[in-house]
Amino acid sequence: MARIAVVGAGMGAMAAAARLATGGHQVVVFERSGTYGGGVGRHERDGFAFDTGPGLLTLPAVYRDLFVKTGRESLEQTVELVRADPAARHLFPDGTDVSLPNASRSGVIEALDAAFGAGSGERWSEVMVRARQVWEVTRRPLLEDTFGPAARELARDPYPAAVRRGLFRRGAPTLAEVGARELRDPRLAALLACHALGYGFDPRSAPASAAVLPYVEQTFGVWYVRGGGLRALARAVYERCLARRVEFRFGAAVARVLERDGRVSGLELADGTGWEADVVVAGAPVPSLPAAGPPEPGRFGVHLALRGGRPEDAVHRTVVHARTPEAGLDWLFGEPPGAPPQDAAALTVTVLRPDDPALRPDDAHEAVTLTATVPPHGAVDWDGPGVADAFAELLVSAAEAAVPGLRERELWRAARSPADTERETGAPGGGVPRPALAGAGGSFLRPANRTPLDGLYFVGGWTHPGGGLPHAGMSGAIAADLVMGGPGGSR
């Protein structure tokens, strides 16, 4: 039985901790904050509750596997998973309004044909067919296996149009180029681009392989956890860790990883105390370890407490597309980004309206969350006087298209910037890690879970296979398998 120290109580770290404890090891989790979940947080006030992290789950099979491998109760016996149907509603500046069904290829084709004209759905479907080929090539090396030679070979984009169709003679295409040349409708191109933007990628520079992001959502569906949102999933994973006798020490910031004779020997906490360990699994930044790179884009959220019940025809997720998207992208990915835009037209805003009694005081009220991808704290001073409040106002202005009478219904709002995320989670700049992608010369691949220091492993969004709830769960499986002497696979 090994003594294992896990740094951080994020989703990937807890997934690793539960698996390692099930394997018979003594596992202690050191978390700098006062709670678990990392970026899967919670904001509560006056009977309202809001997810401060992701609002929907893709690839729930990752967490089904975690619960099967660590106990008797399945994921569905632990939380109530429900399909979000439609998967999303999209509002475009020209007034086009289209809702896409959940996990239905034929339904999506029909909806796009009705909204954009005959043939639109088939063009979208053809891109998704090519994205499926990306999925088949990348699924194992980028998601299921430890980082190795097969993943390194994916520095070259496997999106087949770049090779087989001969459409792009000036090198591998970007996602934006795929949208412009293969979809041939600015609205369809915006639909493709918004998936990349939601994960923090600039569609103008993201590789064509990023088409796998909408493919995964369309093929495997999007899910919600009724009875508390995605925070309820974090609580279920935490409780599974406790059931496996994982020990949690909250308010315990880690200063450095200790080593002796070329291998890990334990941790030193910020208060100067030490803890001996045979293995350290780092799921959060440690000052003594090299930084994972510059902060990545973060998310700005506005939590709205509304009077009046949720209409029966309300959609769980609505994407309000920018009228001037180039202006928003120039600000978001510029060097430096400069001051936030003054006009909501530059922003693509996601509106989340979950139908969940656990999130509201009663049926005469509604809890709504608005989000947008933004530069990290530092690139923008989100703590500057009035900066966060002014930006929150832009999001509310954009969201009025999705929620009629929004301002008249508003009781109060709470803005949450990347500066808040940094304070609460320790993530540099409050950035949200992006998933690994093939192509772009390997610039979107992640560091390996096994490190050169014997006994030290990485887990979570900042390592292979990158950010996102499913990726966190898979990194936990890979790291745990490596620690226990396996090849490092999440299958």
Protein backbone atom coordinates (compact mmCIF):
# COMPACT_ATOMS: atom_id res chain seq x y z
CA MET A 1 0.00 0.00 0.00
CA ALA A 2 1.50 3.31 -1.11
CA ARG A 3 1.06 6.67 0.61
CA ILE A 4 -0.31 8.95 -2.10
CA ALA A 5 -0.71 12.72 -1.86
CA VAL A 6 -3.10 14.34 -4.32
CA VAL A 7 -2.73 18.09 -4.84
CA GLY A 8 -6.10 19.74 -5.45
CA ALA A 9 -9.69 18.52 -5.22
CA GLY A 10 -10.74 19.21 -8.80
CA MET A 11 -12.66 16.65 -10.84
CA GLY A 12 -9.60 14.98 -12.36
CA ALA A 13 -7.81 14.83 -9.02
CA MET A 14 -10.83 13.32 -7.26
CA ALA A 15 -11.32 10.81 -10.11
CA ALA A 16 -7.71 9.67 -9.62
CA ALA A 17 -8.06 9.63 -5.83
CA ALA A 18 -11.17 7.42 -5.90
CA ARG A 19 -9.52 4.92 -8.25
CA LEU A 20 -6.28 4.81 -6.25
CA ALA A 21 -8.08 4.32 -2.95
CA THR A 22 -10.15 1.54 -4.51
CA GLY A 23 -6.83 -0.07 -5.42
CA GLY A 24 -5.91 -0.23 -1.74
CA HIS A 25 -3.69 2.84 -1.39
CA GLN A 26 -3.71 5.43 1.38
CA VAL A 27 -4.81 8.64 -0.36
CA VAL A 28 -4.83 12.15 1.12
CA VAL A 29 -6.07 15.14 -0.91
CA PHE A 30 -4.64 18.58 -0.13
CA GLU A 31 -6.89 21.41 -1.31
CA ARG A 32 -6.04 25.11 -0.92
CA SER A 33 -9.68 26.24 -0.81
CA GLY A 34 -12.47 25.19 1.53
CA THR A 35 -14.33 22.90 -0.84
CA TYR A 36 -14.06 20.30 -3.59
CA GLY A 37 -14.80 20.46 -7.30
CA GLY A 38 -12.23 22.94 -8.60
CA GLY A 39 -13.87 24.83 -11.46
CA VAL A 40 -17.17 23.00 -10.90
CA GLY A 41 -18.35 25.46 -8.28
CA ARG A 42 -21.52 26.90 -6.85
CA HIS A 43 -22.99 30.34 -6.11
CA GLU A 44 -25.93 30.48 -3.69
CA ARG A 45 -28.05 33.35 -2.46
CA ASP A 46 -31.64 33.88 -1.31
CA GLY A 47 -32.74 30.39 -2.29
CA PHE A 48 -31.17 30.60 -5.75
CA ALA A 49 -28.24 28.41 -6.81
CA PHE A 50 -26.02 28.56 -9.90
CA ASP A 51 -23.25 26.45 -11.40
CA THR A 52 -20.12 28.57 -11.67
CA GLY A 53 -18.45 26.10 -14.03
CA PRO A 54 -19.82 24.07 -16.92
CA GLY A 55 -23.59 23.88 -17.23
CA LEU A 56 -23.86 20.71 -19.32
CA LEU A 57 -22.03 17.39 -19.54
CA THR A 58 -20.79 15.56 -22.63
CA LEU A 59 -19.54 11.96 -22.74
CA PRO A 60 -21.16 10.87 -19.46
CA ALA A 61 -19.71 7.41 -20.11
CA VAL A 62 -16.47 8.69 -18.56
CA TYR A 63 -18.16 9.13 -15.18
CA ARG A 64 -20.21 5.97 -15.59
CA ASP A 65 -16.90 4.12 -15.85
CA LEU A 66 -15.55 5.89 -12.75
CA PHE A 67 -18.53 4.83 -10.66
CA VAL A 68 -18.48 1.25 -11.98
CA LYS A 69 -14.79 0.91 -11.14
CA THR A 70 -15.00 2.43 -7.64
CA GLY A 71 -18.18 1.11 -6.03
CA ARG A 72 -21.49 -0.67 -6.26
CA GLU A 73 -23.76 2.28 -7.02
CA SER A 74 -23.75 3.34 -10.66
CA LEU A 75 -23.68 6.95 -11.80
CA GLU A 76 -27.42 6.85 -12.55
CA GLN A 77 -28.09 5.48 -9.07
CA THR A 78 -26.17 8.41 -7.62
CA VAL A 79 -27.34 11.39 -9.68
CA GLU A 80 -30.25 12.02 -12.05
CA LEU A 81 -28.88 12.50 -15.56
CA VAL A 82 -31.33 13.98 -18.09
CA ARG A 83 -30.86 14.81 -21.75
CA ALA A 84 -31.06 18.49 -22.60
CA ASP A 85 -33.46 18.51 -25.54
CA PRO A 86 -33.11 20.48 -27.68
CA ALA A 87 -29.35 20.46 -27.29
CA ALA A 88 -29.23 24.17 -28.01
CA ARG A 89 -31.13 27.05 -29.54
CA HIS A 90 -29.16 29.44 -31.75
CA LEU A 91 -30.15 33.06 -32.36
CA PHE A 92 -28.42 34.86 -35.22
CA PRO A 93 -28.19 38.61 -35.89
CA ASP A 94 -30.43 38.38 -38.97
CA GLY A 95 -33.25 36.99 -36.84
CA THR A 96 -32.73 33.32 -37.71
CA ASP A 97 -33.82 31.14 -34.81
CA VAL A 98 -33.00 27.42 -34.89
CA SER A 99 -33.16 24.74 -32.21
CA LEU A 100 -31.05 21.63 -32.72
CA PRO A 101 -32.27 18.32 -31.28
CA ASN A 102 -30.07 16.30 -28.96
CA ALA A 103 -28.06 13.45 -30.50
CA SER A 104 -30.08 13.25 -33.72
CA ARG A 105 -28.21 13.54 -37.03
CA SER A 106 -31.39 13.49 -39.11
CA GLY A 107 -33.09 15.93 -36.77
CA VAL A 108 -30.20 18.38 -37.06
CA ILE A 109 -30.24 18.14 -40.87
CA GLU A 110 -33.97 18.80 -40.92
CA ALA A 111 -33.70 21.75 -38.52
CA LEU A 112 -30.86 23.38 -40.49
CA ASP A 113 -32.65 22.91 -43.83
CA ALA A 114 -35.74 24.56 -42.39
CA ALA A 115 -33.77 27.49 -40.97
CA PHE A 116 -31.12 28.13 -43.64
CA GLY A 117 -32.51 26.55 -46.80
CA ALA A 118 -32.40 23.19 -48.55
CA GLY A 119 -28.94 21.63 -48.62
CA SER A 120 -27.71 23.42 -45.51
CA GLY A 121 -28.22 20.39 -43.31
CA GLU A 122 -26.40 18.11 -45.70
CA ARG A 123 -23.39 20.44 -45.90
CA TRP A 124 -23.24 20.48 -42.12
CA SER A 125 -23.58 16.70 -42.05
CA GLU A 126 -20.69 16.29 -44.48
CA VAL A 127 -18.43 18.28 -42.15
CA MET A 128 -19.57 16.12 -39.24
CA VAL A 129 -18.75 12.98 -41.25
CA ARG A 130 -15.20 14.25 -41.66
CA ALA A 131 -15.15 15.18 -37.98
CA ARG A 132 -16.09 11.59 -37.21
CA GLN A 133 -12.92 10.49 -38.98
CA VAL A 134 -10.96 12.89 -36.74
CA TRP A 135 -12.68 11.31 -33.73
CA GLU A 136 -11.78 7.80 -34.84
CA VAL A 137 -8.13 8.73 -35.34
CA THR A 138 -7.71 10.79 -32.18
CA ARG A 139 -10.02 9.16 -29.62
CA ARG A 140 -7.53 6.64 -28.29
CA PRO A 141 -4.21 8.56 -28.35
CA LEU A 142 -5.73 11.90 -27.29
CA LEU A 143 -8.31 10.70 -24.78
CA GLU A 144 -8.00 7.10 -23.70
CA ASP A 145 -4.27 6.38 -23.57
CA THR A 146 -1.34 7.97 -21.81
CA PHE A 147 0.53 10.59 -23.81
CA GLY A 148 3.01 8.81 -26.06
CA PRO A 149 4.28 8.47 -29.63
CA ALA A 150 0.78 8.05 -31.10
CA ALA A 151 -0.29 11.37 -29.61
CA ARG A 152 2.88 13.14 -30.76
CA GLU A 153 2.13 12.07 -34.32
CA LEU A 154 -1.08 14.09 -34.11
CA ALA A 155 0.85 17.33 -34.46
CA ARG A 156 -0.43 16.99 -38.03
CA ASP A 157 -4.14 17.68 -38.51
CA PRO A 158 -6.06 14.51 -39.44
CA TYR A 159 -9.10 16.41 -40.73
CA PRO A 160 -9.55 14.61 -44.08
CA ALA A 161 -10.55 17.60 -46.21
CA ALA A 162 -7.00 18.91 -45.83
CA VAL A 163 -5.67 15.89 -47.71
CA ARG A 164 -8.36 13.99 -49.54
CA ARG A 165 -10.53 16.68 -51.03
CA GLY A 166 -7.81 19.02 -52.16
CA LEU A 167 -9.78 22.06 -51.06
CA PHE A 168 -6.92 23.67 -49.18
CA ARG A 169 -3.73 23.97 -51.17
CA ARG A 170 -1.98 26.39 -48.86
CA GLY A 171 -1.45 24.07 -45.92
CA ALA A 172 -3.76 22.68 -43.28
CA PRO A 173 -7.01 24.64 -42.90
CA THR A 174 -8.27 26.38 -39.82
CA LEU A 175 -11.75 25.77 -38.46
CA ALA A 176 -12.87 29.15 -39.77
CA GLU A 177 -11.69 28.20 -43.27
CA VAL A 178 -13.64 24.95 -43.08
CA GLY A 179 -16.73 26.94 -42.17
CA ALA A 180 -16.30 29.43 -44.99
CA ARG A 181 -15.41 26.97 -47.75
CA GLU A 182 -17.38 23.87 -46.85
CA LEU A 183 -20.49 25.29 -45.19
CA ARG A 184 -20.78 28.38 -47.44
CA ASP A 185 -23.21 30.20 -45.17
CA PRO A 186 -21.99 32.69 -42.54
CA ARG A 187 -24.58 31.44 -40.07
CA LEU A 188 -23.54 27.81 -40.45
CA ALA A 189 -19.91 28.92 -40.16
CA ALA A 190 -20.79 30.76 -36.95
CA LEU A 191 -22.50 27.62 -35.66
CA LEU A 192 -19.29 25.67 -36.23
CA ALA A 193 -17.09 28.39 -34.77
CA CYS A 194 -19.10 28.87 -31.58
CA HIS A 195 -18.21 25.38 -30.36
CA ALA A 196 -14.50 26.18 -30.56
CA LEU A 197 -15.01 29.60 -28.99
CA GLY A 198 -16.90 28.04 -26.10
CA TYR A 199 -13.79 26.00 -25.29
CA GLY A 200 -11.50 29.04 -25.54
CA PHE A 201 -10.17 28.52 -29.08
CA ASP A 202 -9.92 31.20 -31.74
CA PRO A 203 -11.69 29.61 -34.75
CA ARG A 204 -9.42 31.64 -37.05
CA SER A 205 -6.35 29.77 -35.80
CA ALA A 206 -7.82 26.56 -34.35
CA PRO A 207 -7.08 23.54 -36.55
CA ALA A 208 -9.82 21.97 -38.66
CA SER A 209 -9.72 19.04 -36.24
CA ALA A 210 -11.67 21.26 -33.81
CA ALA A 211 -14.74 20.16 -35.80
CA VAL A 212 -14.62 17.14 -33.48
CA LEU A 213 -16.03 19.35 -30.69
CA PRO A 214 -19.52 19.78 -32.22
CA TYR A 215 -19.32 16.20 -33.52
CA VAL A 216 -18.97 14.78 -30.00
CA GLU A 217 -21.87 16.88 -28.76
CA GLN A 218 -24.12 16.02 -31.70
CA THR A 219 -23.29 12.30 -31.62
CA PHE A 220 -23.22 11.49 -27.92
CA GLY A 221 -25.55 14.21 -26.67
CA VAL A 222 -25.47 16.77 -23.89
CA TRP A 223 -26.71 16.03 -20.40
CA TYR A 224 -27.77 17.88 -17.26
CA VAL A 225 -27.70 16.70 -13.65
CA ARG A 226 -31.14 17.41 -12.19
CA GLY A 227 -31.20 18.22 -8.52
CA GLY A 228 -28.39 20.74 -8.36
CA GLY A 229 -26.69 20.95 -11.74
CA LEU A 230 -23.10 19.93 -12.45
CA ARG A 231 -22.15 20.79 -8.88
CA ALA A 232 -24.23 17.75 -7.89
CA LEU A 233 -21.90 15.61 -10.03
CA ALA A 234 -18.89 17.06 -8.20
CA ARG A 235 -20.55 16.26 -4.89
CA ALA A 236 -21.21 12.68 -6.03
CA VAL A 237 -17.56 12.17 -6.97
CA TYR A 238 -16.46 13.68 -3.64
CA GLU A 239 -18.78 11.36 -1.74
CA ARG A 240 -17.50 8.39 -3.70
CA CYS A 241 -13.97 9.38 -2.59
CA LEU A 242 -15.13 9.50 1.04
CA ALA A 243 -16.76 6.09 0.67
CA ARG A 244 -13.40 4.75 -0.52
CA ARG A 245 -11.77 6.35 2.58
CA VAL A 246 -9.96 9.14 0.79
CA GLU A 247 -8.93 11.80 3.32
CA PHE A 248 -9.46 15.47 2.42
CA ARG A 249 -7.55 18.34 3.99
CA PHE A 250 -9.10 21.64 3.00
CA GLY A 251 -7.36 24.98 3.50
CA ALA A 252 -4.07 23.17 2.88
CA ALA A 253 -2.12 24.96 0.16
CA VAL A 254 0.90 23.08 -1.18
CA ALA A 255 4.15 25.05 -1.53
CA ARG A 256 6.38 22.45 -3.13
CA VAL A 257 6.92 18.81 -3.98
CA LEU A 258 9.76 17.25 -2.01
CA GLU A 259 12.23 14.83 -3.53
CA ARG A 260 15.03 12.61 -2.26
CA ASP A 261 17.53 10.59 -4.31
CA GLY A 262 15.80 11.36 -7.58
CA ARG A 263 12.24 10.51 -6.59
CA VAL A 264 9.28 12.04 -4.78
CA SER A 265 9.40 11.98 -0.99
CA GLY A 266 6.38 14.12 -0.06
CA LEU A 267 4.96 17.62 0.11
CA GLU A 268 5.69 20.84 1.93
CA LEU A 269 2.59 22.90 2.74
CA ALA A 270 2.42 26.68 2.71
CA ASP A 271 2.44 26.73 6.52
CA GLY A 272 5.79 24.93 6.53
CA THR A 273 4.54 21.52 7.60
CA GLY A 274 5.45 18.44 5.61
CA TRP A 275 3.76 15.19 4.62
CA GLU A 276 5.66 12.13 3.51
CA ALA A 277 4.44 10.36 0.39
CA ASP A 278 5.57 7.64 -1.96
CA VAL A 279 3.64 9.20 -4.84
CA VAL A 280 2.34 12.70 -5.59
CA VAL A 281 -0.47 13.29 -8.08
CA ALA A 282 -0.61 17.02 -8.87
CA GLY A 283 -4.00 18.21 -10.04
CA ALA A 284 -3.42 21.88 -9.26
CA PRO A 285 -0.55 24.37 -9.73
CA VAL A 286 2.34 23.95 -7.29
CA PRO A 287 4.71 26.93 -6.96
CA SER A 288 7.82 24.75 -7.09
CA LEU A 289 6.79 23.05 -10.36
CA PRO A 290 7.16 24.58 -13.83
CA ALA A 291 4.15 26.59 -15.01
CA ALA A 292 1.92 24.90 -17.58
CA GLY A 293 2.23 27.92 -19.89
CA PRO A 294 0.59 31.32 -20.17
CA PRO A 295 -2.95 31.62 -18.80
CA GLU A 296 -5.64 30.52 -21.23
CA PRO A 297 -8.94 32.33 -21.87
CA GLY A 298 -11.43 32.28 -19.04
CA ARG A 299 -15.17 32.63 -18.71
CA PHE A 300 -17.20 35.56 -17.50
CA GLY A 301 -20.51 34.65 -15.89
CA VAL A 302 -23.57 36.60 -14.80
CA HIS A 303 -25.97 34.85 -12.43
CA LEU A 304 -29.48 36.29 -12.61
CA ALA A 305 -32.22 35.84 -10.02
CA LEU A 306 -35.50 36.46 -11.83
CA ARG A 307 -39.06 36.95 -10.63
CA GLY A 308 -41.62 34.95 -12.55
CA GLY A 309 -41.58 31.26 -13.34
CA ARG A 310 -39.65 29.57 -16.14
CA PRO A 311 -41.87 29.37 -19.26
CA GLU A 312 -42.72 25.84 -20.40
CA ASP A 313 -41.21 26.47 -23.83
CA ALA A 314 -37.92 27.80 -22.47
CA VAL A 315 -34.79 26.08 -23.81
CA HIS A 316 -32.02 24.96 -21.45
CA ARG A 317 -29.23 26.50 -23.55
CA THR A 318 -29.42 29.35 -26.04
CA VAL A 319 -26.44 30.77 -27.93
CA VAL A 320 -26.86 34.42 -28.97
CA HIS A 321 -24.41 34.92 -31.83
CA ALA A 322 -22.38 38.11 -32.21
CA ARG A 323 -23.35 40.67 -34.82
CA THR A 324 -19.73 41.73 -35.26
CA PRO A 325 -17.80 38.55 -34.32
CA GLU A 326 -14.44 39.72 -35.72
CA ALA A 327 -14.39 42.61 -33.26
CA GLY A 328 -14.98 40.23 -30.37
CA LEU A 329 -12.31 37.79 -31.55
CA ASP A 330 -9.79 40.57 -32.08
CA TRP A 331 -10.34 41.70 -28.50
CA LEU A 332 -10.34 38.22 -27.01
CA PHE A 333 -7.24 36.89 -28.77
CA GLY A 334 -5.36 40.12 -29.46
CA GLU A 335 -1.87 40.77 -28.13
CA PRO A 336 -2.61 42.54 -25.86
CA PRO A 337 -6.43 42.34 -25.82
CA GLY A 338 -6.98 45.90 -24.60
CA ALA A 339 -10.15 47.19 -22.96
CA PRO A 340 -13.35 45.13 -23.16
CA PRO A 341 -15.73 46.02 -26.00
CA GLN A 342 -18.33 48.69 -25.42
CA ASP A 343 -20.98 47.03 -27.55
CA ALA A 344 -22.75 43.71 -26.92
CA ALA A 345 -22.78 43.12 -30.69
CA ALA A 346 -19.17 41.87 -30.48
CA LEU A 347 -20.00 39.09 -28.02
CA THR A 348 -21.27 35.55 -28.42
CA VAL A 349 -23.24 34.85 -25.24
CA THR A 350 -24.60 31.56 -23.91
CA VAL A 351 -27.81 31.67 -21.88
CA LEU A 352 -28.50 28.75 -19.52
CA ARG A 353 -32.04 28.28 -18.19
CA PRO A 354 -32.10 24.88 -16.44
CA ASP A 355 -35.49 23.50 -15.43
CA ASP A 356 -34.46 22.45 -11.95
CA PRO A 357 -36.46 23.21 -8.78
CA ALA A 358 -33.27 22.76 -6.75
CA LEU A 359 -31.89 26.00 -8.22
CA ARG A 360 -34.73 28.37 -7.33
CA PRO A 361 -36.66 29.23 -4.18
CA ASP A 362 -40.00 28.28 -5.76
CA ASP A 363 -41.75 27.99 -9.12
CA ALA A 364 -42.48 31.71 -9.12
CA HIS A 365 -38.80 32.43 -9.76
CA GLU A 366 -36.09 31.41 -12.24
CA ALA A 367 -32.30 31.07 -12.05
CA VAL A 368 -30.47 32.03 -15.27
CA THR A 369 -26.75 32.08 -16.03
CA LEU A 370 -25.07 34.01 -18.86
CA THR A 371 -21.53 33.17 -19.97
CA ALA A 372 -18.97 34.41 -22.48
CA THR A 373 -15.38 33.45 -23.25
CA VAL A 374 -13.03 36.26 -22.22
CA PRO A 375 -9.30 36.98 -21.77
CA PRO A 376 -7.76 35.84 -18.47
CA HIS A 377 -7.21 38.14 -15.54
CA GLY A 378 -3.98 40.00 -16.14
CA ALA A 379 -4.58 40.36 -19.85
CA VAL A 380 -7.61 42.36 -18.70
CA ASP A 381 -7.78 43.86 -15.23
CA TRP A 382 -11.11 42.35 -14.26
CA ASP A 383 -10.76 43.86 -10.78
CA GLY A 384 -10.49 47.37 -12.22
CA PRO A 385 -13.12 49.93 -11.14
CA GLY A 386 -16.41 49.17 -12.86
CA VAL A 387 -14.89 46.74 -15.39
CA ALA A 388 -16.81 43.64 -14.33
CA ASP A 389 -20.09 45.49 -13.84
CA ALA A 390 -19.88 47.12 -17.26
CA PHE A 391 -19.13 43.82 -18.94
CA ALA A 392 -22.00 42.12 -17.10
CA GLU A 393 -24.30 44.79 -18.53
CA LEU A 394 -23.19 43.83 -22.05
CA LEU A 395 -24.04 40.19 -21.44
CA VAL A 396 -27.47 41.10 -20.11
CA SER A 397 -28.10 43.28 -23.19
CA ALA A 398 -27.23 40.38 -25.48
CA ALA A 399 -29.32 37.92 -23.48
CA GLU A 400 -32.50 39.99 -23.86
CA ALA A 401 -32.92 38.39 -27.29
CA ALA A 402 -33.21 34.98 -25.61
CA VAL A 403 -35.19 35.97 -22.49
CA PRO A 404 -37.97 38.46 -23.30
CA GLY A 405 -38.59 40.96 -20.50
CA LEU A 406 -35.32 40.01 -18.83
CA ARG A 407 -34.60 43.37 -17.22
CA GLU A 408 -38.14 43.76 -15.88
CA ARG A 409 -37.87 40.35 -14.21
CA GLU A 410 -34.45 40.88 -12.64
CA LEU A 411 -34.25 40.81 -8.84
CA TRP A 412 -30.47 40.85 -8.60
CA ARG A 413 -27.37 39.74 -10.45
CA ALA A 414 -23.95 38.45 -9.48
CA ALA A 415 -21.04 38.90 -11.89
CA ARG A 416 -18.15 36.45 -11.85
CA SER A 417 -14.93 37.25 -13.73
CA PRO A 418 -11.70 35.30 -14.28
CA ALA A 419 -10.27 37.23 -11.32
CA ASP A 420 -12.85 35.53 -9.09
CA THR A 421 -12.00 32.16 -10.62
CA GLU A 422 -8.30 32.71 -9.93
CA ARG A 423 -8.96 33.61 -6.30
CA GLU A 424 -11.23 30.64 -5.70
CA THR A 425 -9.44 27.89 -7.63
CA GLY A 426 -5.85 29.08 -7.99
CA ALA A 427 -6.01 28.67 -11.79
CA PRO A 428 -3.52 31.15 -13.29
CA GLY A 429 -5.44 34.17 -14.56
CA GLY A 430 -8.68 32.33 -13.89
CA GLY A 431 -8.16 30.57 -17.22
CA VAL A 432 -10.19 27.51 -18.20
CA PRO A 433 -8.00 24.77 -19.71
CA ARG A 434 -8.84 23.78 -23.27
CA PRO A 435 -9.09 20.18 -24.49
CA ALA A 436 -6.23 18.70 -26.48
CA LEU A 437 -6.58 18.96 -30.27
CA ALA A 438 -4.68 17.39 -33.11
CA GLY A 439 -2.94 19.59 -35.67
CA ALA A 440 -1.46 23.07 -35.39
CA GLY A 441 2.01 21.57 -35.08
CA GLY A 442 1.13 20.04 -31.73
CA SER A 443 0.55 23.40 -30.03
CA PHE A 444 -2.74 22.16 -28.55
CA LEU A 445 -1.35 18.92 -27.15
CA ARG A 446 -0.82 18.66 -23.39
CA PRO A 447 2.09 17.57 -21.16
CA ALA A 448 2.25 13.90 -20.28
CA ASN A 449 0.69 12.61 -17.06
CA ARG A 450 3.95 10.88 -16.08
CA THR A 451 6.73 13.36 -15.26
CA PRO A 452 10.54 12.93 -15.37
CA LEU A 453 10.59 12.90 -11.56
CA ASP A 454 9.99 9.36 -10.34
CA GLY A 455 6.73 9.21 -8.37
CA LEU A 456 5.26 12.50 -9.64
CA TYR A 457 2.21 12.47 -11.90
CA PHE A 458 -0.02 15.18 -13.36
CA VAL A 459 -3.81 15.07 -13.58
CA GLY A 460 -6.53 17.52 -14.60
CA GLY A 461 -7.11 20.04 -17.36
CA TRP A 462 -3.52 21.32 -17.52
CA THR A 463 -2.18 17.92 -18.55
CA HIS A 464 -3.08 15.22 -21.07
CA PRO A 465 -5.82 15.06 -22.41
CA GLY A 466 -6.69 18.66 -21.54
CA GLY A 467 -9.68 20.55 -20.21
CA GLY A 468 -13.37 19.76 -19.97
CA LEU A 469 -15.30 17.51 -17.60
CA PRO A 470 -14.90 14.32 -19.63
CA HIS A 471 -11.20 15.01 -20.17
CA ALA A 472 -10.71 15.54 -16.44
CA GLY A 473 -12.28 12.17 -15.70
CA MET A 474 -10.12 10.50 -18.34
CA SER A 475 -6.94 12.10 -17.00
CA GLY A 476 -7.82 10.73 -13.57
CA ALA A 477 -8.14 7.24 -15.01
CA ILE A 478 -4.88 7.52 -16.94
CA ALA A 479 -2.89 8.86 -13.99
CA ALA A 480 -4.29 6.27 -11.58
CA ASP A 481 -3.46 3.46 -13.97
CA LEU A 482 0.11 4.73 -14.34
CA VAL A 483 0.57 4.94 -10.56
CA MET A 484 -0.63 1.36 -10.17
CA GLY A 485 1.84 0.11 -12.74
CA GLY A 486 -0.42 -0.05 -15.76
CA PRO A 487 0.18 1.35 -19.25
CA GLY A 488 -1.91 4.42 -18.50
CA GLY A 489 -5.26 3.95 -20.15
CA SER A 490 -8.75 5.18 -19.34
CA ARG A 491 -10.48 2.25 -21.03
